[in-house]
Amino acid sequence: RNFKLLVPASKAGGAPPQLALTLEGQDLELELRKGLPPLEVPRMLVRSEGSSVEATIPDSQLSLSAGRKIQLKGGRITAVVVDDGQPTAEVAFRAAGSLPSFLDLLDREPIAALKGANLPLASIDGKVETQVRVTLPIVSGLSLADLKIESKTRISDGRIKDVVGTHDVTGASFTIDATEKQVDGKGELLLAGVNVKVAGQWLAEPPPEGRPPLLKLTSRLDSAYRVQLGLDLEHMISGELPI
């Protein structure tokens, strides 16, 4: 730890002395929110000078059930007291882990974004990489409207067993861009070897005409694809069938 008292060379401007403080911690556990697993932090550096505080966390991880883990890198939390005395903070980090790990986290209270979905995590696999930046006021009782969010997520090598009967999803690849106002996703996957394009959108404030479809799947099925999917339609349809 290091302490430093910054005294102005001249008091003509009336500037008060400022305290500079540096703290280093090791083997910490941070409670992000009640109900969520603690963030395991091998090393953390905190610097405070004047009206600003910055915490840097080079590496950390969340340990979930069934041995699942999410690795976080480049974590940084910056808090500044602005002119009106209201402190604001910016949180930025990169995270990576398996798709079941992220789904496990999203299914937990208080997030509960997948509540009631009953996802078969044992049948799901894939990789997730994400970059997140959140700006927020430091107040109690935060709501989504108080946050400014920027995130970009990449899902690759996604696989789900027995999605439709005995047909598996393989080779799933998606990009998801999210803000506090909307989430946009697009990508593609193979269902029983058939290429399917996927697009979706979520809006915090939908237009008067209603919300867009949460997910839209499109493909073009020729005769070989219809046979792969077990669709006995050849006596009714010839050529490609857009769906």
C-alpha atoms as a PDB file:
ATOM      1  CA  ARG A   1       0.000   0.000   0.000  1.00  0.00           C
ATOM      2  CA  ASN A   2       1.175   3.553  -0.742  1.00  0.00           C
ATOM      3  CA  PHE A   3      -0.125   6.883   0.569  1.00  0.00           C
ATOM      4  CA  LYS A   4       0.577  10.340  -0.815  1.00  0.00           C
ATOM      5  CA  LEU A   5      -0.756  13.758   0.237  1.00  0.00           C
ATOM      6  CA  LEU A   6      -0.925  16.183  -2.699  1.00  0.00           C
ATOM      7  CA  VAL A   7      -0.679  19.782  -1.466  1.00  0.00           C
ATOM      8  CA  PRO A   8      -1.171  22.626  -4.013  1.00  0.00           C
ATOM      9  CA  ALA A   9       1.916  24.820  -4.500  1.00  0.00           C
ATOM     10  CA  SER A  10      -0.226  27.927  -4.037  1.00  0.00           C
ATOM     11  CA  LYS A  11      -3.425  28.336  -2.061  1.00  0.00           C
ATOM     12  CA  ALA A  12      -4.521  31.289  -4.200  1.00  0.00           C
ATOM     13  CA  GLY A  13      -6.991  29.129  -6.073  1.00  0.00           C
ATOM     14  CA  GLY A  14      -8.390  27.708  -2.866  1.00  0.00           C
ATOM     15  CA  ALA A  15      -7.799  24.099  -3.990  1.00  0.00           C
ATOM     16  CA  PRO A  16      -7.841  21.717  -0.992  1.00  0.00           C
ATOM     17  CA  PRO A  17      -5.108  19.097  -0.475  1.00  0.00           C
ATOM     18  CA  GLN A  18      -5.784  15.706  -2.087  1.00  0.00           C
ATOM     19  CA  LEU A  19      -4.974  12.234  -0.833  1.00  0.00           C
ATOM     20  CA  ALA A  20      -3.559   9.630  -3.239  1.00  0.00           C
ATOM     21  CA  LEU A  21      -3.855   6.006  -2.158  1.00  0.00           C
ATOM     22  CA  THR A  22      -2.758   2.732  -3.758  1.00  0.00           C
ATOM     23  CA  LEU A  23      -3.794  -0.654  -2.361  1.00  0.00           C
ATOM     24  CA  GLU A  24      -2.990  -4.137  -3.623  1.00  0.00           C
ATOM     25  CA  GLY A  25      -4.994  -7.171  -2.538  1.00  0.00           C
ATOM     26  CA  GLN A  26      -4.480 -10.887  -3.169  1.00  0.00           C
ATOM     27  CA  ASP A  27      -6.711 -13.980  -3.015  1.00  0.00           C
ATOM     28  CA  LEU A  28      -9.955 -11.994  -2.686  1.00  0.00           C
ATOM     29  CA  GLU A  29     -13.596 -12.965  -3.089  1.00  0.00           C
ATOM     30  CA  LEU A  30     -16.027 -10.260  -4.231  1.00  0.00           C
ATOM     31  CA  GLU A  31     -19.787 -10.619  -3.833  1.00  0.00           C
ATOM     32  CA  LEU A  32     -21.223  -9.169  -7.050  1.00  0.00           C
ATOM     33  CA  ARG A  33     -24.802  -9.533  -5.921  1.00  0.00           C
ATOM     34  CA  LYS A  34     -26.602 -11.639  -3.375  1.00  0.00           C
ATOM     35  CA  GLY A  35     -27.416 -15.038  -4.847  1.00  0.00           C
ATOM     36  CA  LEU A  36     -24.604 -15.068  -7.394  1.00  0.00           C
ATOM     37  CA  PRO A  37     -21.336 -16.974  -6.869  1.00  0.00           C
ATOM     38  CA  PRO A  38     -18.452 -14.812  -5.615  1.00  0.00           C
ATOM     39  CA  LEU A  39     -15.858 -13.488  -8.026  1.00  0.00           C
ATOM     40  CA  GLU A  40     -12.529 -15.154  -7.212  1.00  0.00           C
ATOM     41  CA  VAL A  41      -9.749 -12.559  -7.601  1.00  0.00           C
ATOM     42  CA  PRO A  42      -6.072 -13.634  -7.317  1.00  0.00           C
ATOM     43  CA  ARG A  43      -4.866 -10.020  -7.477  1.00  0.00           C
ATOM     44  CA  MET A  44      -6.524  -6.589  -7.395  1.00  0.00           C
ATOM     45  CA  LEU A  45      -5.031  -3.098  -7.510  1.00  0.00           C
ATOM     46  CA  VAL A  46      -6.997  -0.065  -6.266  1.00  0.00           C
ATOM     47  CA  ARG A  47      -5.882   3.522  -6.876  1.00  0.00           C
ATOM     48  CA  SER A  48      -7.633   6.570  -5.432  1.00  0.00           C
ATOM     49  CA  GLU A  49      -6.699  10.159  -6.154  1.00  0.00           C
ATOM     50  CA  GLY A  50      -8.884  13.203  -5.625  1.00  0.00           C
ATOM     51  CA  SER A  51     -12.443  12.450  -6.708  1.00  0.00           C
ATOM     52  CA  SER A  52     -11.679   9.294  -8.707  1.00  0.00           C
ATOM     53  CA  VAL A  53     -11.127   5.632  -7.800  1.00  0.00           C
ATOM     54  CA  GLU A  54      -9.921   2.907 -10.162  1.00  0.00           C
ATOM     55  CA  ALA A  55      -9.765  -0.826  -9.496  1.00  0.00           C
ATOM     56  CA  THR A  56      -8.025  -3.154 -11.932  1.00  0.00           C
ATOM     57  CA  ILE A  57      -8.453  -6.936 -11.882  1.00  0.00           C
ATOM     58  CA  PRO A  58      -6.184  -8.606 -14.471  1.00  0.00           C
ATOM     59  CA  ASP A  59      -7.650 -12.105 -14.029  1.00  0.00           C
ATOM     60  CA  SER A  60     -10.575 -13.561 -12.099  1.00  0.00           C
ATOM     61  CA  GLN A  61     -13.183 -16.298 -12.355  1.00  0.00           C
ATOM     62  CA  LEU A  62     -16.691 -17.330 -11.375  1.00  0.00           C
ATOM     63  CA  SER A  63     -17.087 -20.929 -10.204  1.00  0.00           C
ATOM     64  CA  LEU A  64     -20.499 -22.415 -10.960  1.00  0.00           C
ATOM     65  CA  SER A  65     -22.122 -25.816 -10.433  1.00  0.00           C
ATOM     66  CA  ALA A  66     -20.853 -29.063 -11.993  1.00  0.00           C
ATOM     67  CA  GLY A  67     -17.311 -27.676 -12.220  1.00  0.00           C
ATOM     68  CA  ARG A  68     -18.291 -24.958 -14.696  1.00  0.00           C
ATOM     69  CA  LYS A  69     -16.218 -21.774 -14.712  1.00  0.00           C
ATOM     70  CA  ILE A  70     -16.253 -18.376 -16.422  1.00  0.00           C
ATOM     71  CA  GLN A  71     -12.872 -16.688 -16.823  1.00  0.00           C
ATOM     72  CA  LEU A  72     -12.717 -12.865 -16.719  1.00  0.00           C
ATOM     73  CA  LYS A  73      -9.775 -10.797 -17.938  1.00  0.00           C
ATOM     74  CA  GLY A  74      -8.892  -7.113 -18.150  1.00  0.00           C
ATOM     75  CA  GLY A  75     -11.420  -6.126 -15.481  1.00  0.00           C
ATOM     76  CA  ARG A  76     -11.535  -2.420 -14.658  1.00  0.00           C
ATOM     77  CA  ILE A  77     -13.870  -0.421 -12.422  1.00  0.00           C
ATOM     78  CA  THR A  78     -13.591   3.371 -12.507  1.00  0.00           C
ATOM     79  CA  ALA A  79     -15.657   5.635 -10.248  1.00  0.00           C
ATOM     80  CA  VAL A  80     -15.704   9.437 -10.465  1.00  0.00           C
ATOM     81  CA  VAL A  81     -17.623  12.054  -8.462  1.00  0.00           C
ATOM     82  CA  VAL A  82     -19.059  14.472 -11.038  1.00  0.00           C
ATOM     83  CA  ASP A  83     -19.871  18.166 -10.503  1.00  0.00           C
ATOM     84  CA  ASP A  84     -23.268  17.564  -8.915  1.00  0.00           C
ATOM     85  CA  GLY A  85     -21.740  15.249  -6.311  1.00  0.00           C
ATOM     86  CA  GLN A  86     -23.323  12.123  -7.821  1.00  0.00           C
ATOM     87  CA  PRO A  87     -20.667   9.419  -8.328  1.00  0.00           C
ATOM     88  CA  THR A  88     -20.758   7.415 -11.546  1.00  0.00           C
ATOM     89  CA  ALA A  89     -18.882   4.233 -12.371  1.00  0.00           C
ATOM     90  CA  GLU A  90     -17.736   2.398 -15.473  1.00  0.00           C
ATOM     91  CA  VAL A  91     -17.201  -1.357 -15.420  1.00  0.00           C
ATOM     92  CA  ALA A  92     -15.370  -3.050 -18.300  1.00  0.00           C
ATOM     93  CA  PHE A  93     -14.172  -6.637 -18.734  1.00  0.00           C
ATOM     94  CA  ARG A  94     -13.736  -9.554 -21.126  1.00  0.00           C
ATOM     95  CA  ALA A  95     -15.102 -12.997 -20.294  1.00  0.00           C
ATOM     96  CA  ALA A  96     -14.815 -16.465 -21.783  1.00  0.00           C
ATOM     97  CA  GLY A  97     -16.149 -19.887 -20.943  1.00  0.00           C
ATOM     98  CA  SER A  98     -18.357 -22.711 -22.088  1.00  0.00           C
ATOM     99  CA  LEU A  99     -21.894 -22.042 -23.288  1.00  0.00           C
ATOM    100  CA  PRO A 100     -23.389 -24.154 -20.433  1.00  0.00           C
ATOM    101  CA  SER A 101     -21.483 -21.994 -17.907  1.00  0.00           C
ATOM    102  CA  PHE A 102     -23.008 -18.770 -19.239  1.00  0.00           C
ATOM    103  CA  LEU A 103     -26.488 -20.324 -19.427  1.00  0.00           C
ATOM    104  CA  ASP A 104     -26.078 -21.559 -15.838  1.00  0.00           C
ATOM    105  CA  LEU A 105     -25.231 -17.998 -14.710  1.00  0.00           C
ATOM    106  CA  LEU A 106     -28.144 -16.440 -16.640  1.00  0.00           C
ATOM    107  CA  ASP A 107     -30.542 -18.960 -15.110  1.00  0.00           C
ATOM    108  CA  ARG A 108     -29.662 -17.982 -11.522  1.00  0.00           C
ATOM    109  CA  GLU A 109     -31.416 -15.467  -9.314  1.00  0.00           C
ATOM    110  CA  PRO A 110     -31.326 -12.504  -9.290  1.00  0.00           C
ATOM    111  CA  ILE A 111     -30.656 -12.536 -13.071  1.00  0.00           C
ATOM    112  CA  ALA A 112     -33.143 -15.322 -13.894  1.00  0.00           C
ATOM    113  CA  ALA A 113     -33.141 -14.373 -17.590  1.00  0.00           C
ATOM    114  CA  LEU A 114     -33.904 -17.997 -18.494  1.00  0.00           C
ATOM    115  CA  LYS A 115     -36.357 -18.704 -15.693  1.00  0.00           C
ATOM    116  CA  GLY A 116     -38.696 -21.564 -16.601  1.00  0.00           C
ATOM    117  CA  ALA A 117     -36.724 -22.540 -19.718  1.00  0.00           C
ATOM    118  CA  ASN A 118     -35.493 -25.800 -18.122  1.00  0.00           C
ATOM    119  CA  LEU A 119     -32.517 -25.957 -20.483  1.00  0.00           C
ATOM    120  CA  PRO A 120     -30.834 -29.385 -20.733  1.00  0.00           C
ATOM    121  CA  LEU A 121     -27.344 -28.093 -19.927  1.00  0.00           C
ATOM    122  CA  ALA A 122     -25.872 -31.601 -20.108  1.00  0.00           C
ATOM    123  CA  SER A 123     -26.886 -31.754 -23.794  1.00  0.00           C
ATOM    124  CA  ILE A 124     -25.511 -28.306 -24.705  1.00  0.00           C
ATOM    125  CA  ASP A 125     -21.929 -27.404 -25.572  1.00  0.00           C
ATOM    126  CA  GLY A 126     -20.057 -24.530 -27.196  1.00  0.00           C
ATOM    127  CA  LYS A 127     -17.741 -21.598 -26.510  1.00  0.00           C
ATOM    128  CA  VAL A 128     -18.552 -18.009 -25.533  1.00  0.00           C
ATOM    129  CA  GLU A 129     -16.386 -14.885 -25.668  1.00  0.00           C
ATOM    130  CA  THR A 130     -17.775 -11.506 -24.671  1.00  0.00           C
ATOM    131  CA  GLN A 131     -16.679  -7.916 -24.110  1.00  0.00           C
ATOM    132  CA  VAL A 132     -18.795  -5.740 -21.810  1.00  0.00           C
ATOM    133  CA  ARG A 133     -18.785  -2.075 -20.802  1.00  0.00           C
ATOM    134  CA  VAL A 134     -21.390  -0.707 -18.349  1.00  0.00           C
ATOM    135  CA  THR A 135     -21.755   2.890 -17.129  1.00  0.00           C
ATOM    136  CA  LEU A 136     -23.977   3.438 -14.082  1.00  0.00           C
ATOM    137  CA  PRO A 137     -24.704   5.860 -11.246  1.00  0.00           C
ATOM    138  CA  ILE A 138     -23.627   4.603  -7.811  1.00  0.00           C
ATOM    139  CA  VAL A 139     -27.032   4.527  -6.128  1.00  0.00           C
ATOM    140  CA  SER A 140     -29.202   1.891  -4.497  1.00  0.00           C
ATOM    141  CA  GLY A 141     -32.166   0.423  -6.338  1.00  0.00           C
ATOM    142  CA  LEU A 142     -30.649   0.501  -9.832  1.00  0.00           C
ATOM    143  CA  SER A 143     -32.907  -0.326 -12.780  1.00  0.00           C
ATOM    144  CA  LEU A 144     -32.127  -1.124 -16.409  1.00  0.00           C
ATOM    145  CA  ALA A 145     -33.039   2.448 -17.344  1.00  0.00           C
ATOM    146  CA  ASP A 146     -30.153   3.710 -15.162  1.00  0.00           C
ATOM    147  CA  LEU A 147     -27.527   1.725 -17.074  1.00  0.00           C
ATOM    148  CA  LYS A 148     -25.659   2.372 -20.279  1.00  0.00           C
ATOM    149  CA  ILE A 149     -24.563  -0.985 -21.697  1.00  0.00           C
ATOM    150  CA  GLU A 150     -22.329  -1.947 -24.612  1.00  0.00           C
ATOM    151  CA  SER A 151     -21.506  -5.593 -25.198  1.00  0.00           C
ATOM    152  CA  LYS A 152     -20.458  -7.853 -28.022  1.00  0.00           C
ATOM    153  CA  THR A 153     -20.685 -11.616 -27.662  1.00  0.00           C
ATOM    154  CA  ARG A 154     -19.483 -14.411 -29.923  1.00  0.00           C
ATOM    155  CA  ILE A 155     -20.807 -17.967 -29.608  1.00  0.00           C
ATOM    156  CA  SER A 156     -18.951 -20.654 -31.571  1.00  0.00           C
ATOM    157  CA  ASP A 157     -18.958 -24.455 -31.952  1.00  0.00           C
ATOM    158  CA  GLY A 158     -22.467 -24.605 -30.478  1.00  0.00           C
ATOM    159  CA  ARG A 159     -24.019 -28.050 -30.178  1.00  0.00           C
ATOM    160  CA  ILE A 160     -27.327 -29.301 -28.782  1.00  0.00           C
ATOM    161  CA  LYS A 161     -28.282 -32.980 -28.789  1.00  0.00           C
ATOM    162  CA  ASP A 162     -31.742 -34.288 -29.732  1.00  0.00           C
ATOM    163  CA  VAL A 163     -33.327 -30.901 -30.468  1.00  0.00           C
ATOM    164  CA  VAL A 164     -35.991 -32.307 -32.799  1.00  0.00           C
ATOM    165  CA  GLY A 165     -36.437 -36.001 -32.163  1.00  0.00           C
ATOM    166  CA  THR A 166     -32.977 -37.511 -32.605  1.00  0.00           C
ATOM    167  CA  HIS A 167     -31.718 -34.598 -34.741  1.00  0.00           C
ATOM    168  CA  ASP A 168     -28.818 -32.582 -33.302  1.00  0.00           C
ATOM    169  CA  VAL A 169     -27.777 -28.967 -33.739  1.00  0.00           C
ATOM    170  CA  THR A 170     -24.072 -28.668 -34.620  1.00  0.00           C
ATOM    171  CA  GLY A 171     -21.729 -25.925 -35.839  1.00  0.00           C
ATOM    172  CA  ALA A 172     -23.788 -23.123 -34.293  1.00  0.00           C
ATOM    173  CA  SER A 173     -22.131 -19.703 -34.611  1.00  0.00           C
ATOM    174  CA  PHE A 174     -23.701 -16.421 -33.455  1.00  0.00           C
ATOM    175  CA  THR A 175     -22.808 -12.792 -32.783  1.00  0.00           C
ATOM    176  CA  ILE A 176     -24.898 -10.846 -30.267  1.00  0.00           C
ATOM    177  CA  ASP A 177     -24.695  -7.048 -29.890  1.00  0.00           C
ATOM    178  CA  ALA A 178     -26.445  -5.612 -26.848  1.00  0.00           C
ATOM    179  CA  THR A 179     -27.195  -2.226 -25.324  1.00  0.00           C
ATOM    180  CA  GLU A 180     -29.587  -1.187 -22.577  1.00  0.00           C
ATOM    181  CA  LYS A 181     -32.210  -0.561 -25.283  1.00  0.00           C
ATOM    182  CA  GLN A 182     -31.968  -3.582 -27.543  1.00  0.00           C
ATOM    183  CA  VAL A 183     -30.268  -6.884 -28.261  1.00  0.00           C
ATOM    184  CA  ASP A 184     -29.551  -8.021 -31.836  1.00  0.00           C
ATOM    185  CA  GLY A 185     -28.306 -11.473 -32.735  1.00  0.00           C
ATOM    186  CA  LYS A 186     -27.582 -13.321 -35.943  1.00  0.00           C
ATOM    187  CA  GLY A 187     -25.820 -16.469 -37.003  1.00  0.00           C
ATOM    188  CA  GLU A 188     -26.294 -19.923 -38.407  1.00  0.00           C
ATOM    189  CA  LEU A 189     -26.359 -23.561 -37.398  1.00  0.00           C
ATOM    190  CA  LEU A 190     -26.692 -27.047 -38.830  1.00  0.00           C
ATOM    191  CA  LEU A 191     -29.809 -29.049 -37.922  1.00  0.00           C
ATOM    192  CA  ALA A 192     -29.260 -32.670 -38.956  1.00  0.00           C
ATOM    193  CA  GLY A 193     -26.746 -31.295 -41.469  1.00  0.00           C
ATOM    194  CA  VAL A 194     -29.200 -28.741 -42.872  1.00  0.00           C
ATOM    195  CA  ASN A 195     -28.011 -25.117 -42.866  1.00  0.00           C
ATOM    196  CA  VAL A 196     -30.335 -22.824 -40.904  1.00  0.00           C
ATOM    197  CA  LYS A 197     -29.913 -19.052 -40.535  1.00  0.00           C
ATOM    198  CA  VAL A 198     -30.982 -17.505 -37.220  1.00  0.00           C
ATOM    199  CA  ALA A 199     -31.788 -13.863 -36.433  1.00  0.00           C
ATOM    200  CA  GLY A 200     -33.407 -12.290 -33.399  1.00  0.00           C
ATOM    201  CA  GLN A 201     -34.052  -9.015 -31.629  1.00  0.00           C
ATOM    202  CA  TRP A 202     -35.200  -7.878 -28.196  1.00  0.00           C
ATOM    203  CA  LEU A 203     -36.365  -4.302 -27.557  1.00  0.00           C
ATOM    204  CA  ALA A 204     -36.710  -2.690 -24.132  1.00  0.00           C
ATOM    205  CA  GLU A 205     -39.353  -0.349 -25.553  1.00  0.00           C
ATOM    206  CA  PRO A 206     -41.147  -2.077 -28.440  1.00  0.00           C
ATOM    207  CA  PRO A 207     -42.883   0.036 -31.112  1.00  0.00           C
ATOM    208  CA  PRO A 208     -46.683   0.493 -31.033  1.00  0.00           C
ATOM    209  CA  GLU A 209     -47.143  -2.282 -33.590  1.00  0.00           C
ATOM    210  CA  GLY A 210     -45.641  -4.786 -31.134  1.00  0.00           C
ATOM    211  CA  ARG A 211     -42.407  -6.636 -30.517  1.00  0.00           C
ATOM    212  CA  PRO A 212     -40.488  -8.195 -33.417  1.00  0.00           C
ATOM    213  CA  PRO A 213     -40.071 -11.995 -33.360  1.00  0.00           C
ATOM    214  CA  LEU A 214     -37.619 -12.959 -30.618  1.00  0.00           C
ATOM    215  CA  LEU A 215     -36.073 -15.565 -32.934  1.00  0.00           C
ATOM    216  CA  LYS A 216     -36.496 -16.216 -36.639  1.00  0.00           C
ATOM    217  CA  LEU A 217     -35.097 -19.330 -38.312  1.00  0.00           C
ATOM    218  CA  THR A 218     -34.924 -19.631 -42.099  1.00  0.00           C
ATOM    219  CA  SER A 219     -33.701 -22.294 -44.499  1.00  0.00           C
ATOM    220  CA  ARG A 220     -34.250 -23.673 -47.980  1.00  0.00           C
ATOM    221  CA  LEU A 221     -35.015 -27.388 -48.076  1.00  0.00           C
ATOM    222  CA  ASP A 222     -34.269 -29.310 -51.256  1.00  0.00           C
ATOM    223  CA  SER A 223     -35.188 -32.955 -51.691  1.00  0.00           C
ATOM    224  CA  ALA A 224     -32.009 -34.237 -49.993  1.00  0.00           C
ATOM    225  CA  TYR A 225     -32.513 -31.961 -46.980  1.00  0.00           C
ATOM    226  CA  ARG A 226     -36.131 -33.045 -46.610  1.00  0.00           C
ATOM    227  CA  VAL A 227     -35.026 -36.661 -46.565  1.00  0.00           C
ATOM    228  CA  GLN A 228     -32.350 -35.854 -43.924  1.00  0.00           C
ATOM    229  CA  LEU A 229     -35.035 -34.310 -41.711  1.00  0.00           C
ATOM    230  CA  GLY A 230     -37.400 -37.239 -42.224  1.00  0.00           C
ATOM    231  CA  LEU A 231     -40.041 -35.135 -43.997  1.00  0.00           C
ATOM    232  CA  ASP A 232     -41.975 -37.412 -46.368  1.00  0.00           C
ATOM    233  CA  LEU A 233     -43.229 -34.729 -48.753  1.00  0.00           C
ATOM    234  CA  GLU A 234     -41.805 -35.800 -52.112  1.00  0.00           C
ATOM    235  CA  HIS A 235     -45.244 -36.837 -53.438  1.00  0.00           C
ATOM    236  CA  MET A 236     -46.432 -33.256 -52.809  1.00  0.00           C
ATOM    237  CA  ILE A 237     -43.392 -30.992 -53.343  1.00  0.00           C
ATOM    238  CA  SER A 238     -40.554 -30.790 -55.835  1.00  0.00           C
ATOM    239  CA  GLY A 239     -37.596 -28.410 -55.846  1.00  0.00           C
ATOM    240  CA  GLU A 240     -36.547 -26.154 -52.977  1.00  0.00           C
ATOM    241  CA  LEU A 241     -38.936 -25.306 -50.154  1.00  0.00           C
ATOM    242  CA  PRO A 242     -38.212 -22.040 -48.320  1.00  0.00           C
ATOM    243  CA  ILE A 243     -39.182 -22.154 -44.642  1.00  0.00           C
END
